C-alpha atoms as a PDB file:
ATOM      1  CA  MET A   1       0.000   0.000   0.000  1.00  0.00           C
ATOM      2  CA  ASN A   2       2.811   2.429   0.848  1.00  0.00           C
ATOM      3  CA  LYS A   3       4.294   1.942  -2.621  1.00  0.00           C
ATOM      4  CA  ILE A   4       1.004   3.131  -4.094  1.00  0.00           C
ATOM      5  CA  LYS A   5       0.959   6.088  -1.710  1.00  0.00           C
ATOM      6  CA  SER A   6       4.534   6.938  -2.686  1.00  0.00           C
ATOM      7  CA  LEU A   7       3.564   7.095  -6.354  1.00  0.00           C
ATOM      8  CA  PHE A   8       0.362   8.962  -5.541  1.00  0.00           C
ATOM      9  CA  ILE A   9       2.064  11.836  -3.705  1.00  0.00           C
ATOM     10  CA  GLY A  10       4.620  12.111  -6.497  1.00  0.00           C
ATOM     11  CA  MET A  11       1.856  12.493  -9.068  1.00  0.00           C
ATOM     12  CA  PHE A  12      -0.950  14.361  -7.297  1.00  0.00           C
ATOM     13  CA  PRO A  13       0.679  17.820  -6.932  1.00  0.00           C
ATOM     14  CA  MET A  14       1.705  17.868 -10.609  1.00  0.00           C
ATOM     15  CA  PHE A  15      -1.790  16.852 -11.709  1.00  0.00           C
ATOM     16  CA  ALA A  16      -3.409  19.491  -9.485  1.00  0.00           C
ATOM     17  CA  MET A  17      -0.981  22.131 -10.734  1.00  0.00           C
ATOM     18  CA  GLY A  18      -1.718  21.227 -14.340  1.00  0.00           C
ATOM     19  CA  ILE A  19      -5.496  21.450 -13.905  1.00  0.00           C
ATOM     20  CA  SER A  20      -5.457  24.686 -11.895  1.00  0.00           C
ATOM     21  CA  GLY A  21      -2.926  26.281 -14.250  1.00  0.00           C
ATOM     22  CA  TYR A  22      -4.846  25.434 -17.400  1.00  0.00           C
ATOM     23  CA  GLY A  23      -8.161  26.335 -15.756  1.00  0.00           C
ATOM     24  CA  ILE A  24      -6.902  29.813 -14.834  1.00  0.00           C
ATOM     25  CA  TYR A  25      -5.506  30.265 -18.337  1.00  0.00           C
ATOM     26  CA  TYR A  26      -8.779  29.144 -19.965  1.00  0.00           C
ATOM     27  CA  LEU A  27     -10.919  31.419 -17.787  1.00  0.00           C
ATOM     28  CA  ALA A  28      -8.608  34.370 -18.485  1.00  0.00           C
ATOM     29  CA  THR A  29      -8.568  33.878 -22.259  1.00  0.00           C
ATOM     30  CA  SER A  30     -11.968  32.361 -23.061  1.00  0.00           C
ATOM     31  CA  GLY A  31     -14.312  33.787 -20.462  1.00  0.00           C
ATOM     32  CA  LEU A  32     -16.466  32.175 -17.782  1.00  0.00           C
ATOM     33  CA  ASN A  33     -16.879  28.433 -17.964  1.00  0.00           C
ATOM     34  CA  PHE A  34     -18.450  26.795 -14.929  1.00  0.00           C
ATOM     35  CA  ILE A  35     -16.742  23.467 -15.541  1.00  0.00           C
ATOM     36  CA  TRP A  36     -13.291  25.037 -15.445  1.00  0.00           C
ATOM     37  CA  LEU A  37     -14.205  27.452 -12.666  1.00  0.00           C
ATOM     38  CA  GLY A  38     -15.170  24.427 -10.604  1.00  0.00           C
ATOM     39  CA  ALA A  39     -11.980  22.600 -11.575  1.00  0.00           C
ATOM     40  CA  VAL A  40      -9.893  25.546 -10.357  1.00  0.00           C
ATOM     41  CA  LEU A  41     -11.789  25.665  -7.057  1.00  0.00           C
ATOM     42  CA  ILE A  42     -11.146  21.951  -6.607  1.00  0.00           C
ATOM     43  CA  THR A  43      -7.414  21.967  -7.273  1.00  0.00           C
ATOM     44  CA  LEU A  44      -5.995  25.451  -6.664  1.00  0.00           C
ATOM     45  CA  PRO A  45      -6.509  25.716  -2.866  1.00  0.00           C
ATOM     46  CA  ILE A  46      -4.795  22.406  -2.082  1.00  0.00           C
ATOM     47  CA  MET A  47      -2.055  23.220  -4.578  1.00  0.00           C
ATOM     48  CA  LEU A  48      -1.425  26.554  -2.850  1.00  0.00           C
ATOM     49  CA  PHE A  49      -1.330  24.790   0.512  1.00  0.00           C
ATOM     50  CA  ILE A  50       1.215  22.202  -0.648  1.00  0.00           C
ATOM     51  CA  SER A  51       3.310  24.919  -2.301  1.00  0.00           C
ATOM     52  CA  ARG A  52       3.280  26.996   0.875  1.00  0.00           C
ATOM     53  CA  ILE A  53       4.481  24.235   3.188  1.00  0.00           C
ATOM     54  CA  MET A  54       7.144  23.159   0.682  1.00  0.00           C
ATOM     55  CA  MET A  55       8.493  26.666   0.133  1.00  0.00           C
ATOM     56  CA  PHE A  56       8.346  28.209   3.608  1.00  0.00           C
ATOM     57  CA  LYS A  57       8.541  25.128   5.880  1.00  0.00           C
ATOM     58  CA  ASN A  58       6.861  27.078   8.677  1.00  0.00           C
ATOM     59  CA  MET A  59       3.744  24.966   9.208  1.00  0.00           C
ATOM     60  CA  ALA A  60       4.118  22.042  11.590  1.00  0.00           C
ATOM     61  CA  ARG A  61       0.482  20.945  11.624  1.00  0.00           C
ATOM     62  CA  THR A  62      -2.878  21.398   9.951  1.00  0.00           C
ATOM     63  CA  THR A  63      -6.459  20.535  10.742  1.00  0.00           C
ATOM     64  CA  PRO A  64      -7.142  16.826  10.210  1.00  0.00           C
ATOM     65  CA  HIS A  65      -9.193  17.221   7.043  1.00  0.00           C
ATOM     66  CA  PHE A  66      -9.032  20.836   5.764  1.00  0.00           C
ATOM     67  CA  PRO A  67     -12.701  21.834   6.354  1.00  0.00           C
ATOM     68  CA  LEU A  68     -12.485  25.090   4.357  1.00  0.00           C
ATOM     69  CA  ILE A  69     -10.496  23.614   1.466  1.00  0.00           C
ATOM     70  CA  THR A  70     -12.809  20.594   1.400  1.00  0.00           C
ATOM     71  CA  LEU A  71     -15.892  22.835   1.310  1.00  0.00           C
ATOM     72  CA  THR A  72     -14.344  24.837  -1.540  1.00  0.00           C
ATOM     73  CA  ALA A  73     -13.648  21.610  -3.458  1.00  0.00           C
ATOM     74  CA  ILE A  74     -17.263  20.451  -2.979  1.00  0.00           C
ATOM     75  CA  ILE A  75     -18.538  23.793  -4.263  1.00  0.00           C
ATOM     76  CA  GLY A  76     -16.144  23.486  -7.197  1.00  0.00           C
ATOM     77  CA  LEU A  77     -17.433  20.008  -8.028  1.00  0.00           C
ATOM     78  CA  ALA A  78     -21.022  21.265  -7.896  1.00  0.00           C
ATOM     79  CA  LEU A  79     -20.170  24.132 -10.262  1.00  0.00           C
ATOM     80  CA  SER A  80     -18.438  21.762 -12.681  1.00  0.00           C
ATOM     81  CA  ILE A  81     -21.407  19.394 -12.720  1.00  0.00           C
ATOM     82  CA  TYR A  82     -23.777  22.341 -13.194  1.00  0.00           C
ATOM     83  CA  GLY A  83     -21.698  23.705 -16.069  1.00  0.00           C
ATOM     84  CA  TYR A  84     -21.566  20.299 -17.724  1.00  0.00           C
ATOM     85  CA  ALA A  85     -25.328  19.790 -17.346  1.00  0.00           C
ATOM     86  CA  VAL A  86     -25.974  23.186 -18.928  1.00  0.00           C
ATOM     87  CA  SER A  87     -23.673  22.354 -21.857  1.00  0.00           C
ATOM     88  CA  ILE A  88     -25.476  19.049 -22.509  1.00  0.00           C
ATOM     89  CA  PHE A  89     -28.842  20.722 -22.912  1.00  0.00           C
ATOM     90  CA  SER A  90     -27.537  23.744 -24.787  1.00  0.00           C
ATOM     91  CA  PRO A  91     -28.863  23.899 -28.376  1.00  0.00           C
ATOM     92  CA  LEU A  92     -25.731  25.836 -29.392  1.00  0.00           C
ATOM     93  CA  GLY A  93     -23.336  23.046 -28.542  1.00  0.00           C
ATOM     94  CA  THR A  94     -21.173  21.605 -31.291  1.00  0.00           C
ATOM     95  CA  ALA A  95     -19.568  18.187 -31.538  1.00  0.00           C
ATOM     96  CA  GLU A  96     -16.197  19.779 -30.860  1.00  0.00           C
ATOM     97  CA  SER A  97     -17.427  21.688 -27.790  1.00  0.00           C
ATOM     98  CA  ASN A  98     -19.144  18.570 -26.454  1.00  0.00           C
ATOM     99  CA  VAL A  99     -15.873  16.613 -26.643  1.00  0.00           C
ATOM    100  CA  PHE A 100     -14.064  19.463 -24.879  1.00  0.00           C
ATOM    101  CA  ASN A 101     -16.706  19.626 -22.142  1.00  0.00           C
ATOM    102  CA  ASN A 102     -16.577  15.853 -21.678  1.00  0.00           C
ATOM    103  CA  MET A 103     -12.822  16.059 -21.188  1.00  0.00           C
ATOM    104  CA  SER A 104     -13.185  19.030 -18.855  1.00  0.00           C
ATOM    105  CA  ILE A 105     -15.704  17.359 -16.527  1.00  0.00           C
ATOM    106  CA  VAL A 106     -13.567  14.206 -16.402  1.00  0.00           C
ATOM    107  CA  LEU A 107     -10.553  16.277 -15.334  1.00  0.00           C
ATOM    108  CA  ALA A 108     -12.585  18.191 -12.753  1.00  0.00           C
ATOM    109  CA  CYS A 109     -14.027  14.997 -11.235  1.00  0.00           C
ATOM    110  CA  THR A 110     -10.626  13.311 -11.282  1.00  0.00           C
ATOM    111  CA  GLY A 111      -9.118  16.297  -9.490  1.00  0.00           C
ATOM    112  CA  PHE A 112     -11.825  16.054  -6.829  1.00  0.00           C
ATOM    113  CA  ILE A 113     -11.300  12.320  -6.333  1.00  0.00           C
ATOM    114  CA  LEU A 114      -7.525  12.791  -6.005  1.00  0.00           C
ATOM    115  CA  PHE A 115      -8.018  15.581  -3.461  1.00  0.00           C
ATOM    116  CA  ILE A 116     -10.305  13.362  -1.375  1.00  0.00           C
ATOM    117  CA  LEU A 117      -7.748  10.565  -1.568  1.00  0.00           C
ATOM    118  CA  TYR A 118      -5.006  12.929  -0.392  1.00  0.00           C
ATOM    119  CA  ASN A 119      -7.167  14.332   2.381  1.00  0.00           C
ATOM    120  CA  PHE A 120      -8.514  11.102   3.842  1.00  0.00           C
ATOM    121  CA  TRP A 121      -6.356   8.242   2.502  1.00  0.00           C
ATOM    122  CA  TYR A 122      -2.808   9.432   1.873  1.00  0.00           C
ATOM    123  CA  SER A 123      -2.620  11.595   5.010  1.00  0.00           C
ATOM    124  CA  SER A 124      -3.581   8.641   7.210  1.00  0.00           C
ATOM    125  CA  LEU A 125      -0.534   6.598   8.223  1.00  0.00           C
ATOM    126  CA  GLY A 126      -2.479   3.475   9.105  1.00  0.00           C
ATOM    127  CA  ARG A 127      -0.440   2.885  12.251  1.00  0.00           C
ATOM    128  CA  GLU A 128      -1.130  -0.148  14.374  1.00  0.00           C
ATOM    129  CA  VAL A 129      -1.235  -0.002  18.174  1.00  0.00           C
ATOM    130  CA  ASN A 130       2.328   0.024  19.464  1.00  0.00           C
ATOM    131  CA  GLN A 131       2.325  -1.600  22.885  1.00  0.00           C
ATOM    132  CA  ALA A 132       6.092  -1.098  23.294  1.00  0.00           C
ATOM    133  CA  LEU A 133       5.713   2.692  23.321  1.00  0.00           C
ATOM    134  CA  ARG A 134       2.928   2.972  25.867  1.00  0.00           C
ATOM    135  CA  ILE A 135       3.334   5.365  28.783  1.00  0.00           C
ATOM    136  CA  GLY A 136       5.009   3.632  31.698  1.00  0.00           C
ATOM    137  CA  LYS A 137       6.985   1.221  29.512  1.00  0.00           C
ATOM    138  CA  PRO A 138      10.789   1.412  29.326  1.00  0.00           C
ATOM    139  CA  LEU A 139      11.948   2.870  26.019  1.00  0.00           C
ATOM    140  CA  PRO A 140      13.198   0.024  23.797  1.00  0.00           C
ATOM    141  CA  GLN A 141      16.939   0.320  23.236  1.00  0.00           C
ATOM    142  CA  PHE A 142      18.135   1.522  19.850  1.00  0.00           C
ATOM    143  CA  GLU A 143      21.380   2.613  18.218  1.00  0.00           C
ATOM    144  CA  ALA A 144      22.128   5.457  15.802  1.00  0.00           C
ATOM    145  CA  LEU A 145      25.060   7.576  14.634  1.00  0.00           C
ATOM    146  CA  ASP A 146      25.802  11.036  15.994  1.00  0.00           C
ATOM    147  CA  ILE A 147      27.117  13.843  13.772  1.00  0.00           C
ATOM    148  CA  ARG A 148      30.684  12.664  14.350  1.00  0.00           C
ATOM    149  CA  GLY A 149      29.825   9.217  13.037  1.00  0.00           C
ATOM    150  CA  LYS A 150      30.001   7.634  16.489  1.00  0.00           C
ATOM    151  CA  ARG A 151      27.513   4.884  17.265  1.00  0.00           C
ATOM    152  CA  ILE A 152      25.289   5.887  20.187  1.00  0.00           C
ATOM    153  CA  ASN A 153      23.100   3.589  22.275  1.00  0.00           C
ATOM    154  CA  SER A 154      19.929   5.157  23.639  1.00  0.00           C
ATOM    155  CA  THR A 155      20.817   4.053  27.174  1.00  0.00           C
ATOM    156  CA  VAL A 156      23.363   6.912  27.354  1.00  0.00           C
ATOM    157  CA  PHE A 157      20.457   9.338  27.713  1.00  0.00           C
ATOM    158  CA  GLU A 158      19.174   7.708  30.893  1.00  0.00           C
ATOM    159  CA  GLY A 159      19.584   9.867  33.971  1.00  0.00           C
ATOM    160  CA  THR A 160      18.049  12.901  32.268  1.00  0.00           C
ATOM    161  CA  PRO A 161      14.510  13.568  31.005  1.00  0.00           C
ATOM    162  CA  THR A 162      14.767  13.219  27.231  1.00  0.00           C
ATOM    163  CA  ILE A 163      12.576  14.290  24.329  1.00  0.00           C
ATOM    164  CA  TYR A 164      13.015  12.015  21.322  1.00  0.00           C
ATOM    165  CA  LEU A 165      11.745  13.451  18.060  1.00  0.00           C
ATOM    166  CA  PHE A 166      11.818  10.864  15.281  1.00  0.00           C
ATOM    167  CA  PHE A 167      11.264  12.651  11.974  1.00  0.00           C
ATOM    168  CA  ARG A 168      11.172  11.534   8.358  1.00  0.00           C
ATOM    169  CA  GLY A 169      14.097  13.611   7.104  1.00  0.00           C
ATOM    170  CA  ASN A 170      15.129  17.061   5.908  1.00  0.00           C
ATOM    171  CA  TRP A 171      12.872  16.578   2.871  1.00  0.00           C
ATOM    172  CA  CYS A 172       9.721  16.720   5.059  1.00  0.00           C
ATOM    173  CA  PRO A 173       8.584  20.364   5.448  1.00  0.00           C
ATOM    174  CA  LEU A 174       6.260  19.662   8.376  1.00  0.00           C
ATOM    175  CA  CYS A 175       9.100  17.911  10.206  1.00  0.00           C
ATOM    176  CA  MET A 176      11.367  20.913   9.646  1.00  0.00           C
ATOM    177  CA  ALA A 177       8.693  23.285  10.939  1.00  0.00           C
ATOM    178  CA  GLN A 178       8.190  21.083  13.993  1.00  0.00           C
ATOM    179  CA  ILE A 179      11.921  21.108  14.764  1.00  0.00           C
ATOM    180  CA  LYS A 180      12.000  24.915  14.447  1.00  0.00           C
ATOM    181  CA  GLU A 181       9.157  25.154  16.967  1.00  0.00           C
ATOM    182  CA  VAL A 182      11.005  22.956  19.451  1.00  0.00           C
ATOM    183  CA  ALA A 183      14.157  25.051  18.948  1.00  0.00           C
ATOM    184  CA  THR A 184      12.300  28.239  19.881  1.00  0.00           C
ATOM    185  CA  GLN A 185      11.192  26.594  23.135  1.00  0.00           C
ATOM    186  CA  TYR A 186      14.569  25.061  23.943  1.00  0.00           C
ATOM    187  CA  LYS A 187      15.323  27.368  26.900  1.00  0.00           C
ATOM    188  CA  LYS A 188      12.103  26.351  28.649  1.00  0.00           C
ATOM    189  CA  LEU A 189      12.714  22.683  27.924  1.00  0.00           C
ATOM    190  CA  SER A 190      16.310  22.955  29.113  1.00  0.00           C
ATOM    191  CA  SER A 191      15.237  24.699  32.316  1.00  0.00           C
ATOM    192  CA  LEU A 192      13.217  21.570  33.073  1.00  0.00           C
ATOM    193  CA  GLY A 193      16.367  19.491  32.684  1.00  0.00           C
ATOM    194  CA  ALA A 194      15.415  17.928  29.370  1.00  0.00           C
ATOM    195  CA  LYS A 195      17.634  16.901  26.496  1.00  0.00           C
ATOM    196  CA  VAL A 196      16.302  16.946  22.939  1.00  0.00           C
ATOM    197  CA  VAL A 197      17.279  14.101  20.608  1.00  0.00           C
ATOM    198  CA  LEU A 198      16.435  14.309  16.897  1.00  0.00           C
ATOM    199  CA  CYS A 199      16.691  11.147  14.817  1.00  0.00           C
ATOM    200  CA  ALA A 200      15.947  10.490  11.143  1.00  0.00           C
ATOM    201  CA  PRO A 201      16.738   7.827   8.516  1.00  0.00           C
ATOM    202  CA  GLN A 202      18.679  10.008   6.099  1.00  0.00           C
ATOM    203  CA  PRO A 203      22.225  10.473   4.779  1.00  0.00           C
ATOM    204  CA  GLU A 204      24.677  11.579   7.485  1.00  0.00           C
ATOM    205  CA  LYS A 205      25.521  14.730   5.527  1.00  0.00           C
ATOM    206  CA  ASN A 206      21.858  15.765   5.755  1.00  0.00           C
ATOM    207  CA  THR A 207      21.875  15.332   9.518  1.00  0.00           C
ATOM    208  CA  GLN A 208      25.049  17.416   9.724  1.00  0.00           C
ATOM    209  CA  ALA A 209      23.494  20.115   7.526  1.00  0.00           C
ATOM    210  CA  LEU A 210      20.471  20.216   9.821  1.00  0.00           C
ATOM    211  CA  ALA A 211      22.666  20.464  12.907  1.00  0.00           C
ATOM    212  CA  ASP A 212      24.506  23.422  11.372  1.00  0.00           C
ATOM    213  CA  LYS A 213      21.219  25.343  11.079  1.00  0.00           C
ATOM    214  CA  PHE A 214      20.423  25.407  14.779  1.00  0.00           C
ATOM    215  CA  ASP A 215      22.313  27.237  17.495  1.00  0.00           C
ATOM    216  CA  VAL A 216      20.901  25.035  20.244  1.00  0.00           C
ATOM    217  CA  PRO A 217      22.491  21.925  21.787  1.00  0.00           C
ATOM    218  CA  PHE A 218      20.172  19.384  20.233  1.00  0.00           C
ATOM    219  CA  ILE A 219      21.521  15.859  19.846  1.00  0.00           C
ATOM    220  CA  PHE A 220      21.302  14.953  16.156  1.00  0.00           C
ATOM    221  CA  LEU A 221      21.286  11.273  15.225  1.00  0.00           C
ATOM    222  CA  THR A 222      21.218   9.414  11.918  1.00  0.00           C
ATOM    223  CA  ASP A 223      19.178   6.225  11.844  1.00  0.00           C
ATOM    224  CA  VAL A 224      21.270   3.969   9.589  1.00  0.00           C
ATOM    225  CA  ASP A 225      19.146   1.505   7.574  1.00  0.00           C
ATOM    226  CA  ASN A 226      16.145   2.391   9.749  1.00  0.00           C
ATOM    227  CA  ARG A 227      17.423   0.169  12.556  1.00  0.00           C
ATOM    228  CA  ALA A 228      16.247   2.488  15.323  1.00  0.00           C
ATOM    229  CA  ALA A 229      12.807   2.769  13.734  1.00  0.00           C
ATOM    230  CA  GLN A 230      12.641  -1.006  13.513  1.00  0.00           C
ATOM    231  CA  ALA A 231      13.635  -1.392  17.170  1.00  0.00           C
ATOM    232  CA  LEU A 232      10.857   0.993  18.188  1.00  0.00           C
ATOM    233  CA  GLY A 233       8.250  -0.365  15.793  1.00  0.00           C
ATOM    234  CA  ILE A 234       7.819   2.948  13.940  1.00  0.00           C
ATOM    235  CA  GLU A 235       9.328   2.016  10.569  1.00  0.00           C
ATOM    236  CA  MET A 236       7.316   2.919   7.465  1.00  0.00           C
ATOM    237  CA  LYS A 237       8.234   0.582   4.635  1.00  0.00           C
ATOM    238  CA  ASN A 238       8.280   2.230   1.185  1.00  0.00           C
ATOM    239  CA  GLY A 239       7.102   5.470   2.771  1.00  0.00           C
ATOM    240  CA  LEU A 240       9.407   7.835   0.881  1.00  0.00           C
ATOM    241  CA  PRO A 241       7.594   9.936  -1.765  1.00  0.00           C
ATOM    242  CA  ALA A 242       8.455   8.932  -5.314  1.00  0.00           C
ATOM    243  CA  GLY A 243      11.470  10.820  -6.644  1.00  0.00           C
ATOM    244  CA  MET A 244      13.131  11.475  -3.278  1.00  0.00           C
ATOM    245  CA  LYS A 245      15.514   8.539  -3.691  1.00  0.00           C
ATOM    246  CA  MET A 246      17.410  10.689  -6.198  1.00  0.00           C
ATOM    247  CA  LEU A 247      18.366  12.927  -3.245  1.00  0.00           C
ATOM    248  CA  GLY A 248      20.009  10.032  -1.420  1.00  0.00           C
ATOM    249  CA  TYR A 249      17.155   8.962   0.846  1.00  0.00           C
ATOM    250  CA  ASN A 250      16.180   5.348   1.456  1.00  0.00           C
ATOM    251  CA  LYS A 251      12.787   4.175   0.222  1.00  0.00           C
ATOM    252  CA  ASP A 252      11.882   3.209   3.801  1.00  0.00           C
ATOM    253  CA  THR A 253      11.206   5.978   6.301  1.00  0.00           C
ATOM    254  CA  LEU A 254       9.417   6.194   9.650  1.00  0.00           C
ATOM    255  CA  HIS A 255       6.189   7.357  11.211  1.00  0.00           C
ATOM    256  CA  PRO A 256       6.631  10.795  12.834  1.00  0.00           C
ATOM    257  CA  THR A 257       6.901  10.073  16.542  1.00  0.00           C
ATOM    258  CA  VAL A 258       7.631  12.001  19.739  1.00  0.00           C
ATOM    259  CA  ILE A 259       8.557  10.230  22.969  1.00  0.00           C
ATOM    260  CA  ILE A 260       9.535  11.702  26.328  1.00  0.00           C
ATOM    261  CA  THR A 261      11.301   9.590  28.922  1.00  0.00           C
ATOM    262  CA  ASP A 262      12.104  10.244  32.562  1.00  0.00           C
ATOM    263  CA  THR A 263      15.470   9.821  34.276  1.00  0.00           C
ATOM    264  CA  THR A 264      15.022   6.033  34.397  1.00  0.00           C
ATOM    265  CA  GLY A 265      14.320   5.720  30.676  1.00  0.00           C
ATOM    266  CA  SER A 266      10.608   5.055  31.181  1.00  0.00           C
ATOM    267  CA  ILE A 267       8.123   6.653  28.780  1.00  0.00           C
ATOM    268  CA  ILE A 268       6.085   9.492  30.275  1.00  0.00           C
ATOM    269  CA  TYR A 269       4.730  10.852  26.979  1.00  0.00           C
ATOM    270  CA  SER A 270       4.163   9.255  23.594  1.00  0.00           C
ATOM    271  CA  ASP A 271       2.703  10.877  20.484  1.00  0.00           C
ATOM    272  CA  LEU A 272       2.102   8.303  17.743  1.00  0.00           C
ATOM    273  CA  THR A 273       0.224  10.450  15.261  1.00  0.00           C
ATOM    274  CA  ASN A 274      -1.837   8.629  12.663  1.00  0.00           C
ATOM    275  CA  ASN A 275      -1.955  11.636  10.341  1.00  0.00           C
ATOM    276  CA  TYR A 276       1.366  12.968   9.080  1.00  0.00           C
ATOM    277  CA  ARG A 277      -0.049  16.507   9.118  1.00  0.00           C
ATOM    278  CA  ILE A 278      -0.940  16.385  12.830  1.00  0.00           C
ATOM    279  CA  ARG A 279       1.979  17.024  15.193  1.00  0.00           C
ATOM    280  CA  PRO A 280       2.105  17.861  18.920  1.00  0.00           C
ATOM    281  CA  GLU A 281       3.069  21.349  20.040  1.00  0.00           C
ATOM    282  CA  PRO A 282       6.157  22.112  22.175  1.00  0.00           C
ATOM    283  CA  GLU A 283       3.832  23.434  24.896  1.00  0.00           C
ATOM    284  CA  ASP A 284       2.622  19.840  25.324  1.00  0.00           C
ATOM    285  CA  PHE A 285       6.179  18.747  26.124  1.00  0.00           C
ATOM    286  CA  ILE A 286       6.602  21.580  28.624  1.00  0.00           C
ATOM    287  CA  LYS A 287       3.381  20.605  30.420  1.00  0.00           C
ATOM    288  CA  VAL A 288       4.426  16.951  30.626  1.00  0.00           C
ATOM    289  CA  LEU A 289       7.905  17.776  31.921  1.00  0.00           C
ATOM    290  CA  SER A 290       6.583  20.346  34.406  1.00  0.00           C
ATOM    291  CA  LYS A 291       4.012  17.911  35.787  1.00  0.00           C
ATOM    292  CA  HIS A 292       6.605  15.150  36.025  1.00  0.00           C
ATOM    293  CA  ALA A 293       9.020  17.483  37.862  1.00  0.00           C
ATOM    294  CA  GLN A 294       6.311  18.338  40.403  1.00  0.00           C
ATOM    295  CA  LEU A 295       5.589  14.660  41.027  1.00  0.00           C
ATOM    296  CA  ALA A 296       9.237  13.667  41.306  1.00  0.00           C
END
């Protein structure tokens, strides 16, 4: 299934861009056409959203199912169907215009179906219940490489409250935005005695490049061959979007995951999101650590 999702996310933005681009061009040059107006309403908003998060990397989370964008897409579909119905019963229609309208409504409906698939199917990670990462359980041991290429065992972090942020890689804009948020709250987290460990299955040079961007003492780890993700049960087989392998990433990635452990290495917080666009906020970590400090 993940292979299909990988191909889907590689194709969907290009398809949406093509429809919205042509629709805008057609409306600008040929006048109002309800089929193409609807097609633009279906595809342009989600295309603008994807473009924004890719370009600016400043959005760490969204609503689960884009209520406003979804409503706009439904209105767009209704307009396209209305425009097509009007064209069918128009006495002025020609064989050529009928063929064009048939193609137009197919593209509009296809754009709507693909948006719904992105919204409700692709965005869902389909995670199974992970008993090993339940609150109160000891964090399963894992190994990864630090930015000096030294192999680190997770047991070295015991003795200090630790926030583990397992992210998909530098290619993921929501992951990058999430890391930036945590960086802005580092002083508060540090004042509560917490370390922050970031771990991703990506080339070591990418981890080093990420470390160079932040002037905070995060611990940056590279998950070689997804071994840490496997140890924790958060691996996502064939989860890399199509085309990203050309940038040096492995086809297997992980489910975005945040875990907080106490000084004994036991889990006191676990966020196993089932929607890649839904991420916890740093304030949640501060609350957990503050409460734990009061109880200690």
